Amino acid sequence: ALDVTDVVFEPAGMRLRINRSKTDQKGVGRTVG
C-alpha cells in the first residue's frame, strides 16, 4: 500500500507513512522510522 510519497528521507534515515493497517481501519495512520 506504500506510495512513493509515503517515503521521506532524512540524514538519520527514512520515515514511512503507514496510512492504514489491519488494526487501524479508520485510517489514523502511523509513522515508522
PDB file of all heavy atoms in Angstrom:
ATOM      1  N   ALA A   1       0.817  -1.216   0.000  1.00  0.00           N
ATOM      2  CA  ALA A   1       0.000   0.000   0.000  1.00  0.00           C
ATOM      3  C   ALA A   1       0.849   1.264   0.000  1.00  0.00           C
ATOM      4  O   ALA A   1       0.320   2.368  -0.224  1.00  0.00           O
ATOM      5  CB  ALA A   1      -0.944   0.011   1.200  1.00  0.00           C
ATOM      6  N   LEU A   2       2.149   1.133   0.231  1.00  0.00           N
ATOM      7  CA  LEU A   2       3.024   2.305   0.271  1.00  0.00           C
ATOM      8  C   LEU A   2       3.083   2.999  -1.084  1.00  0.00           C
ATOM      9  O   LEU A   2       3.232   2.353  -2.127  1.00  0.00           O
ATOM     10  CB  LEU A   2       4.442   1.902   0.690  1.00  0.00           C
ATOM     11  CG  LEU A   2       4.661   1.543   2.165  1.00  0.00           C
ATOM     12  CD1 LEU A   2       6.053   0.952   2.349  1.00  0.00           C
ATOM     13  CD2 LEU A   2       4.474   2.772   3.053  1.00  0.00           C
ATOM     14  N   ASP A   3       2.984   4.310  -1.065  1.00  0.00           N
ATOM     15  CA  ASP A   3       3.205   5.140  -2.242  1.00  0.00           C
ATOM     16  C   ASP A   3       4.576   5.791  -2.140  1.00  0.00           C
ATOM     17  O   ASP A   3       5.166   5.882  -1.047  1.00  0.00           O
ATOM     18  CB  ASP A   3       2.138   6.227  -2.357  1.00  0.00           C
ATOM     19  CG  ASP A   3       0.785   5.677  -2.805  1.00  0.00           C
ATOM     20  OD1 ASP A   3       0.776   4.633  -3.490  1.00  0.00           O
ATOM     21  OD2 ASP A   3      -0.244   6.293  -2.472  1.00  0.00           O
ATOM     22  N   VAL A   4       5.054   6.263  -3.256  1.00  0.00           N
ATOM     23  CA  VAL A   4       6.338   6.965  -3.279  1.00  0.00           C
ATOM     24  C   VAL A   4       6.327   8.139  -2.305  1.00  0.00           C
ATOM     25  O   VAL A   4       7.305   8.410  -1.607  1.00  0.00           O
ATOM     26  CB  VAL A   4       6.648   7.444  -4.716  1.00  0.00           C
ATOM     27  CG1 VAL A   4       7.849   8.379  -4.721  1.00  0.00           C
ATOM     28  CG2 VAL A   4       6.887   6.244  -5.634  1.00  0.00           C
ATOM     29  N   THR A   5       5.206   8.826  -2.227  1.00  0.00           N
ATOM     30  CA  THR A   5       5.091   9.996  -1.354  1.00  0.00           C
ATOM     31  C   THR A   5       5.025   9.635   0.129  1.00  0.00           C
ATOM     32  O   THR A   5       5.090  10.529   0.980  1.00  0.00           O
ATOM     33  CB  THR A   5       3.843  10.823  -1.723  1.00  0.00           C
ATOM     34  OG1 THR A   5       2.696   9.957  -1.753  1.00  0.00           O
ATOM     35  CG2 THR A   5       4.017  11.460  -3.095  1.00  0.00           C
ATOM     36  N   ASP A   6       4.888   8.348   0.440  1.00  0.00           N
ATOM     37  CA  ASP A   6       4.872   7.918   1.845  1.00  0.00           C
ATOM     38  C   ASP A   6       6.278   7.726   2.392  1.00  0.00           C
ATOM     39  O   ASP A   6       6.442   7.402   3.579  1.00  0.00           O
ATOM     40  CB  ASP A   6       4.099   6.600   1.990  1.00  0.00           C
ATOM     41  CG  ASP A   6       2.615   6.758   1.692  1.00  0.00           C
ATOM     42  OD1 ASP A   6       2.071   7.828   1.996  1.00  0.00           O
ATOM     43  OD2 ASP A   6       2.019   5.799   1.146  1.00  0.00           O
ATOM     44  N   VAL A   7       7.290   7.894   1.550  1.00  0.00           N
ATOM     45  CA  VAL A   7       8.676   7.677   1.949  1.00  0.00           C
ATOM     46  C   VAL A   7       9.405   9.025   1.973  1.00  0.00           C
ATOM     47  O   VAL A   7       9.434   9.741   0.970  1.00  0.00           O
ATOM     48  CB  VAL A   7       9.401   6.724   0.979  1.00  0.00           C
ATOM     49  CG1 VAL A   7      10.831   6.481   1.431  1.00  0.00           C
ATOM     50  CG2 VAL A   7       8.638   5.406   0.870  1.00  0.00           C
ATOM     51  N   VAL A   8       9.965   9.359   3.123  1.00  0.00           N
ATOM     52  CA  VAL A   8      10.697  10.623   3.281  1.00  0.00           C
ATOM     53  C   VAL A   8      12.089  10.305   3.808  1.00  0.00           C
ATOM     54  O   VAL A   8      12.237   9.654   4.854  1.00  0.00           O
ATOM     55  CB  VAL A   8       9.973  11.570   4.259  1.00  0.00           C
ATOM     56  CG1 VAL A   8      10.783  12.857   4.456  1.00  0.00           C
ATOM     57  CG2 VAL A   8       8.569  11.895   3.759  1.00  0.00           C
ATOM     58  N   PHE A   9      13.104  10.759   3.090  1.00  0.00           N
ATOM     59  CA  PHE A   9      14.492  10.532   3.501  1.00  0.00           C
ATOM     60  C   PHE A   9      14.994  11.708   4.330  1.00  0.00           C
ATOM     61  O   PHE A   9      14.723  12.869   4.027  1.00  0.00           O
ATOM     62  CB  PHE A   9      15.388  10.337   2.274  1.00  0.00           C
ATOM     63  CG  PHE A   9      15.095   9.080   1.502  1.00  0.00           C
ATOM     64  CD1 PHE A   9      14.369   9.125   0.319  1.00  0.00           C
ATOM     65  CD2 PHE A   9      15.532   7.844   1.968  1.00  0.00           C
ATOM     66  CE1 PHE A   9      14.095   7.975  -0.392  1.00  0.00           C
ATOM     67  CE2 PHE A   9      15.259   6.685   1.264  1.00  0.00           C
ATOM     68  CZ  PHE A   9      14.538   6.753   0.077  1.00  0.00           C
ATOM     69  N   GLU A  10      15.751  11.380   5.378  1.00  0.00           N
ATOM     70  CA  GLU A  10      16.371  12.366   6.253  1.00  0.00           C
ATOM     71  C   GLU A  10      17.811  11.934   6.505  1.00  0.00           C
ATOM     72  O   GLU A  10      18.168  10.784   6.218  1.00  0.00           O
ATOM     73  CB  GLU A  10      15.604  12.461   7.583  1.00  0.00           C
ATOM     74  CG  GLU A  10      14.150  12.876   7.433  1.00  0.00           C
ATOM     75  CD  GLU A  10      13.429  12.904   8.770  1.00  0.00           C
ATOM     76  OE1 GLU A  10      14.070  12.635   9.804  1.00  0.00           O
ATOM     77  OE2 GLU A  10      12.218  13.204   8.779  1.00  0.00           O
ATOM     78  N   PRO A  11      18.648  12.808   7.057  1.00  0.00           N
ATOM     79  CA  PRO A  11      20.037  12.401   7.328  1.00  0.00           C
ATOM     80  C   PRO A  11      20.141  11.164   8.218  1.00  0.00           C
ATOM     81  O   PRO A  11      21.038  10.332   8.037  1.00  0.00           O
ATOM     82  CB  PRO A  11      20.614  13.634   8.032  1.00  0.00           C
ATOM     83  CG  PRO A  11      19.825  14.773   7.485  1.00  0.00           C
ATOM     84  CD  PRO A  11      18.434  14.236   7.306  1.00  0.00           C
ATOM     85  N   ALA A  12      19.215  11.013   9.159  1.00  0.00           N
ATOM     86  CA  ALA A  12      19.288   9.879  10.090  1.00  0.00           C
ATOM     87  C   ALA A  12      18.701   8.597   9.516  1.00  0.00           C
ATOM     88  O   ALA A  12      18.929   7.512  10.053  1.00  0.00           O
ATOM     89  CB  ALA A  12      18.576  10.224  11.393  1.00  0.00           C
ATOM     90  N   GLY A  13      17.942   8.710   8.432  1.00  0.00           N
ATOM     91  CA  GLY A  13      17.318   7.524   7.869  1.00  0.00           C
ATOM     92  C   GLY A  13      16.114   7.856   7.014  1.00  0.00           C
ATOM     93  O   GLY A  13      16.135   8.836   6.268  1.00  0.00           O
ATOM     94  N   MET A  14      15.052   7.082   7.135  1.00  0.00           N
ATOM     95  CA  MET A  14      13.852   7.310   6.345  1.00  0.00           C
ATOM     96  C   MET A  14      12.605   7.116   7.207  1.00  0.00           C
ATOM     97  O   MET A  14      12.588   6.331   8.148  1.00  0.00           O
ATOM     98  CB  MET A  14      13.812   6.355   5.141  1.00  0.00           C
ATOM     99  CG  MET A  14      13.838   4.889   5.505  1.00  0.00           C
ATOM    100  SD  MET A  14      14.157   3.781   4.094  1.00  0.00           S
ATOM    101  CE  MET A  14      12.705   4.053   3.113  1.00  0.00           C
ATOM    102  N   ARG A  15      11.571   7.873   6.856  1.00  0.00           N
ATOM    103  CA  ARG A  15      10.284   7.756   7.529  1.00  0.00           C
ATOM    104  C   ARG A  15       9.276   7.159   6.553  1.00  0.00           C
ATOM    105  O   ARG A  15       9.206   7.575   5.403  1.00  0.00           O
ATOM    106  CB  ARG A  15       9.779   9.124   7.998  1.00  0.00           C
ATOM    107  CG  ARG A  15      10.620   9.768   9.096  1.00  0.00           C
ATOM    108  CD  ARG A  15      10.085  11.155   9.420  1.00  0.00           C
ATOM    109  NE  ARG A  15      10.907  11.811  10.401  1.00  0.00           N
ATOM    110  CZ  ARG A  15      10.653  11.826  11.717  1.00  0.00           C
ATOM    111  NH1 ARG A  15       9.570  11.193  12.167  1.00  0.00           N
ATOM    112  NH2 ARG A  15      11.446  12.454  12.558  1.00  0.00           N
ATOM    113  N   LEU A  16       8.506   6.191   7.049  1.00  0.00           N
ATOM    114  CA  LEU A  16       7.447   5.584   6.253  1.00  0.00           C
ATOM    115  C   LEU A  16       6.107   5.976   6.861  1.00  0.00           C
ATOM    116  O   LEU A  16       5.897   5.819   8.065  1.00  0.00           O
ATOM    117  CB  LEU A  16       7.561   4.055   6.260  1.00  0.00           C
ATOM    118  CG  LEU A  16       8.884   3.437   5.826  1.00  0.00           C
ATOM    119  CD1 LEU A  16       8.820   1.927   5.985  1.00  0.00           C
ATOM    120  CD2 LEU A  16       9.204   3.815   4.401  1.00  0.00           C
ATOM    121  N   ARG A  17       5.209   6.465   6.030  1.00  0.00           N
ATOM    122  CA  ARG A  17       3.870   6.787   6.486  1.00  0.00           C
ATOM    123  C   ARG A  17       2.960   5.617   6.167  1.00  0.00           C
ATOM    124  O   ARG A  17       2.701   5.301   4.991  1.00  0.00           O
ATOM    125  CB  ARG A  17       3.353   8.051   5.802  1.00  0.00           C
ATOM    126  CG  ARG A  17       1.905   8.417   6.131  1.00  0.00           C
ATOM    127  CD  ARG A  17       1.721   8.766   7.583  1.00  0.00           C
ATOM    128  NE  ARG A  17       0.321   9.083   7.892  1.00  0.00           N
ATOM    129  CZ  ARG A  17      -0.127   9.318   9.115  1.00  0.00           C
ATOM    130  NH1 ARG A  17       0.724   9.286  10.140  1.00  0.00           N
ATOM    131  NH2 ARG A  17      -1.404   9.597   9.318  1.00  0.00           N
ATOM    132  N   ILE A  18       2.481   4.924   7.217  1.00  0.00           N
ATOM    133  CA  ILE A  18       1.545   3.809   7.060  1.00  0.00           C
ATOM    134  C   ILE A  18       0.149   4.389   7.232  1.00  0.00           C
ATOM    135  O   ILE A  18      -0.257   4.732   8.349  1.00  0.00           O
ATOM    136  CB  ILE A  18       1.804   2.701   8.093  1.00  0.00           C
ATOM    137  CG1 ILE A  18       3.291   2.314   8.117  1.00  0.00           C
ATOM    138  CG2 ILE A  18       0.929   1.493   7.804  1.00  0.00           C
ATOM    139  CD1 ILE A  18       3.822   1.806   6.815  1.00  0.00           C
ATOM    140  N   ASN A  19      -0.571   4.535   6.144  1.00  0.00           N
ATOM    141  CA  ASN A  19      -1.856   5.230   6.180  1.00  0.00           C
ATOM    142  C   ASN A  19      -2.998   4.393   6.741  1.00  0.00           C
ATOM    143  O   ASN A  19      -3.956   4.934   7.305  1.00  0.00           O
ATOM    144  CB  ASN A  19      -2.223   5.713   4.772  1.00  0.00           C
ATOM    145  CG  ASN A  19      -1.244   6.766   4.285  1.00  0.00           C
ATOM    146  OD1 ASN A  19      -1.065   7.797   4.913  1.00  0.00           O
ATOM    147  ND2 ASN A  19      -0.582   6.487   3.168  1.00  0.00           N
ATOM    148  N   ARG A  20      -2.898   3.096   6.581  1.00  0.00           N
ATOM    149  CA  ARG A  20      -3.977   2.218   7.068  1.00  0.00           C
ATOM    150  C   ARG A  20      -3.398   0.822   7.287  1.00  0.00           C
ATOM    151  O   ARG A  20      -2.493   0.406   6.578  1.00  0.00           O
ATOM    152  CB  ARG A  20      -5.124   2.157   6.054  1.00  0.00           C
ATOM    153  CG  ARG A  20      -6.379   1.458   6.550  1.00  0.00           C
ATOM    154  CD  ARG A  20      -7.451   1.437   5.470  1.00  0.00           C
ATOM    155  NE  ARG A  20      -7.913   2.756   5.126  1.00  0.00           N
ATOM    156  CZ  ARG A  20      -8.900   3.389   5.761  1.00  0.00           C
ATOM    157  NH1 ARG A  20      -9.512   2.807   6.766  1.00  0.00           N
ATOM    158  NH2 ARG A  20      -9.288   4.586   5.369  1.00  0.00           N
ATOM    159  N   SER A  21      -3.936   0.129   8.265  1.00  0.00           N
ATOM    160  CA  SER A  21      -3.462  -1.217   8.533  1.00  0.00           C
ATOM    161  C   SER A  21      -4.591  -2.062   9.087  1.00  0.00           C
ATOM    162  O   SER A  21      -5.706  -1.579   9.316  1.00  0.00           O
ATOM    163  CB  SER A  21      -2.289  -1.197   9.535  1.00  0.00           C
ATOM    164  OG  SER A  21      -2.730  -0.782  10.810  1.00  0.00           O
ATOM    165  N   LYS A  22      -4.296  -3.328   9.334  1.00  0.00           N
ATOM    166  CA  LYS A  22      -5.289  -4.282   9.823  1.00  0.00           C
ATOM    167  C   LYS A  22      -5.904  -3.815  11.137  1.00  0.00           C
ATOM    168  O   LYS A  22      -7.098  -4.001  11.369  1.00  0.00           O
ATOM    169  CB  LYS A  22      -4.620  -5.649  10.005  1.00  0.00           C
ATOM    170  CG  LYS A  22      -5.526  -6.744  10.516  1.00  0.00           C
ATOM    171  CD  LYS A  22      -4.747  -8.030  10.656  1.00  0.00           C
ATOM    172  CE  LYS A  22      -5.617  -9.153  11.212  1.00  0.00           C
ATOM    173  NZ  LYS A  22      -4.843 -10.416  11.359  1.00  0.00           N
ATOM    174  N   THR A  23      -5.098  -3.206  12.013  1.00  0.00           N
ATOM    175  CA  THR A  23      -5.590  -2.756  13.313  1.00  0.00           C
ATOM    176  C   THR A  23      -5.907  -1.265  13.322  1.00  0.00           C
ATOM    177  O   THR A  23      -6.142  -0.690  14.378  1.00  0.00           O
ATOM    178  CB  THR A  23      -4.547  -3.067  14.413  1.00  0.00           C
ATOM    179  OG1 THR A  23      -3.291  -2.476  14.052  1.00  0.00           O
ATOM    180  CG2 THR A  23      -4.367  -4.566  14.573  1.00  0.00           C
ATOM    181  N   ASP A  24      -5.927  -0.649  12.138  1.00  0.00           N
ATOM    182  CA  ASP A  24      -6.215   0.790  12.035  1.00  0.00           C
ATOM    183  C   ASP A  24      -7.128   1.022  10.841  1.00  0.00           C
ATOM    184  O   ASP A  24      -6.755   1.654   9.858  1.00  0.00           O
ATOM    185  CB  ASP A  24      -4.903   1.590  11.891  1.00  0.00           C
ATOM    186  CG  ASP A  24      -5.143   3.078  11.680  1.00  0.00           C
ATOM    187  OD1 ASP A  24      -6.183   3.589  12.140  1.00  0.00           O
ATOM    188  OD2 ASP A  24      -4.301   3.729  11.033  1.00  0.00           O
ATOM    189  N   GLN A  25      -8.358   0.462  10.915  1.00  0.00           N
ATOM    190  CA  GLN A  25      -9.282   0.551   9.791  1.00  0.00           C
ATOM    191  C   GLN A  25      -9.822   1.966   9.594  1.00  0.00           C
ATOM    192  O   GLN A  25     -10.356   2.286   8.528  1.00  0.00           O
ATOM    193  CB  GLN A  25     -10.439  -0.427  10.000  1.00  0.00           C
ATOM    194  CG  GLN A  25     -10.009  -1.890   9.989  1.00  0.00           C
ATOM    195  CD  GLN A  25      -9.378  -2.302   8.669  1.00  0.00           C
ATOM    196  OE1 GLN A  25      -9.764  -1.833   7.611  1.00  0.00           O
ATOM    197  NE2 GLN A  25      -8.390  -3.179   8.728  1.00  0.00           N
ATOM    198  N   LYS A  26      -9.696   2.822  10.607  1.00  0.00           N
ATOM    199  CA  LYS A  26     -10.175   4.195  10.474  1.00  0.00           C
ATOM    200  C   LYS A  26      -9.181   5.089   9.752  1.00  0.00           C
ATOM    201  O   LYS A  26      -9.476   6.239   9.443  1.00  0.00           O
ATOM    202  CB  LYS A  26     -10.491   4.783  11.849  1.00  0.00           C
ATOM    203  CG  LYS A  26     -11.654   4.088  12.558  1.00  0.00           C
ATOM    204  CD  LYS A  26     -11.956   4.741  13.892  1.00  0.00           C
ATOM    205  CE  LYS A  26     -13.125   4.058  14.579  1.00  0.00           C
ATOM    206  NZ  LYS A  26     -13.422   4.665  15.910  1.00  0.00           N
ATOM    207  N   GLY A  27      -7.990   4.573   9.491  1.00  0.00           N
ATOM    208  CA  GLY A  27      -7.007   5.333   8.737  1.00  0.00           C
ATOM    209  C   GLY A  27      -6.340   6.448   9.514  1.00  0.00           C
ATOM    210  O   GLY A  27      -5.968   7.481   8.945  1.00  0.00           O
ATOM    211  N   VAL A  28      -6.170   6.259  10.829  1.00  0.00           N
ATOM    212  CA  VAL A  28      -5.454   7.257  11.632  1.00  0.00           C
ATOM    213  C   VAL A  28      -4.009   7.353  11.172  1.00  0.00           C
ATOM    214  O   VAL A  28      -3.444   8.430  11.057  1.00  0.00           O
ATOM    215  CB  VAL A  28      -5.532   6.897  13.136  1.00  0.00           C
ATOM    216  CG1 VAL A  28      -4.695   7.859  13.965  1.00  0.00           C
ATOM    217  CG2 VAL A  28      -6.984   6.920  13.610  1.00  0.00           C
ATOM    218  N   GLY A  29      -3.417   6.215  10.875  1.00  0.00           N
ATOM    219  CA  GLY A  29      -2.052   6.178  10.348  1.00  0.00           C
ATOM    220  C   GLY A  29      -0.996   6.199  11.440  1.00  0.00           C
ATOM    221  O   GLY A  29      -1.264   6.527  12.600  1.00  0.00           O
ATOM    222  N   ARG A  30       0.204   5.823  11.052  1.00  0.00           N
ATOM    223  CA  ARG A  30       1.351   5.877  11.954  1.00  0.00           C
ATOM    224  C   ARG A  30       2.610   6.048  11.126  1.00  0.00           C
ATOM    225  O   ARG A  30       2.613   5.828   9.901  1.00  0.00           O
ATOM    226  CB  ARG A  30       1.437   4.612  12.819  1.00  0.00           C
ATOM    227  CG  ARG A  30       1.651   3.321  12.035  1.00  0.00           C
ATOM    228  CD  ARG A  30       1.531   2.098  12.939  1.00  0.00           C
ATOM    229  NE  ARG A  30       1.703   0.857  12.188  1.00  0.00           N
ATOM    230  CZ  ARG A  30       2.865   0.249  12.025  1.00  0.00           C
ATOM    231  NH1 ARG A  30       3.971   0.755  12.582  1.00  0.00           N
ATOM    232  NH2 ARG A  30       2.953  -0.863  11.308  1.00  0.00           N
ATOM    233  N   THR A  31       3.685   6.463  11.785  1.00  0.00           N
ATOM    234  CA  THR A  31       4.960   6.670  11.109  1.00  0.00           C
ATOM    235  C   THR A  31       5.977   5.668  11.627  1.00  0.00           C
ATOM    236  O   THR A  31       6.104   5.468  12.837  1.00  0.00           O
ATOM    237  CB  THR A  31       5.469   8.100  11.341  1.00  0.00           C
ATOM    238  OG1 THR A  31       4.525   9.030  10.794  1.00  0.00           O
ATOM    239  CG2 THR A  31       6.811   8.309  10.665  1.00  0.00           C
ATOM    240  N   VAL A  32       6.684   5.044  10.716  1.00  0.00           N
ATOM    241  CA  VAL A  32       7.717   4.072  11.057  1.00  0.00           C
ATOM    242  C   VAL A  32       9.063   4.626  10.609  1.00  0.00           C
ATOM    243  O   VAL A  32       9.205   5.097   9.474  1.00  0.00           O
ATOM    244  CB  VAL A  32       7.451   2.714  10.364  1.00  0.00           C
ATOM    245  CG1 VAL A  32       8.612   1.757  10.600  1.00  0.00           C
ATOM    246  CG2 VAL A  32       6.144   2.111  10.867  1.00  0.00           C
ATOM    247  N   GLY A  33      10.024   4.594  11.480  1.00  0.00           N
ATOM    248  CA  GLY A  33      11.361   5.064  11.146  1.00  0.00           C
ATOM    249  C   GLY A  33      12.313   3.914  10.877  1.00  0.00           C
ATOM    250  O   GLY A  33      12.263   2.892  11.557  1.00  0.00           O
TER     251      GLY A  33
END
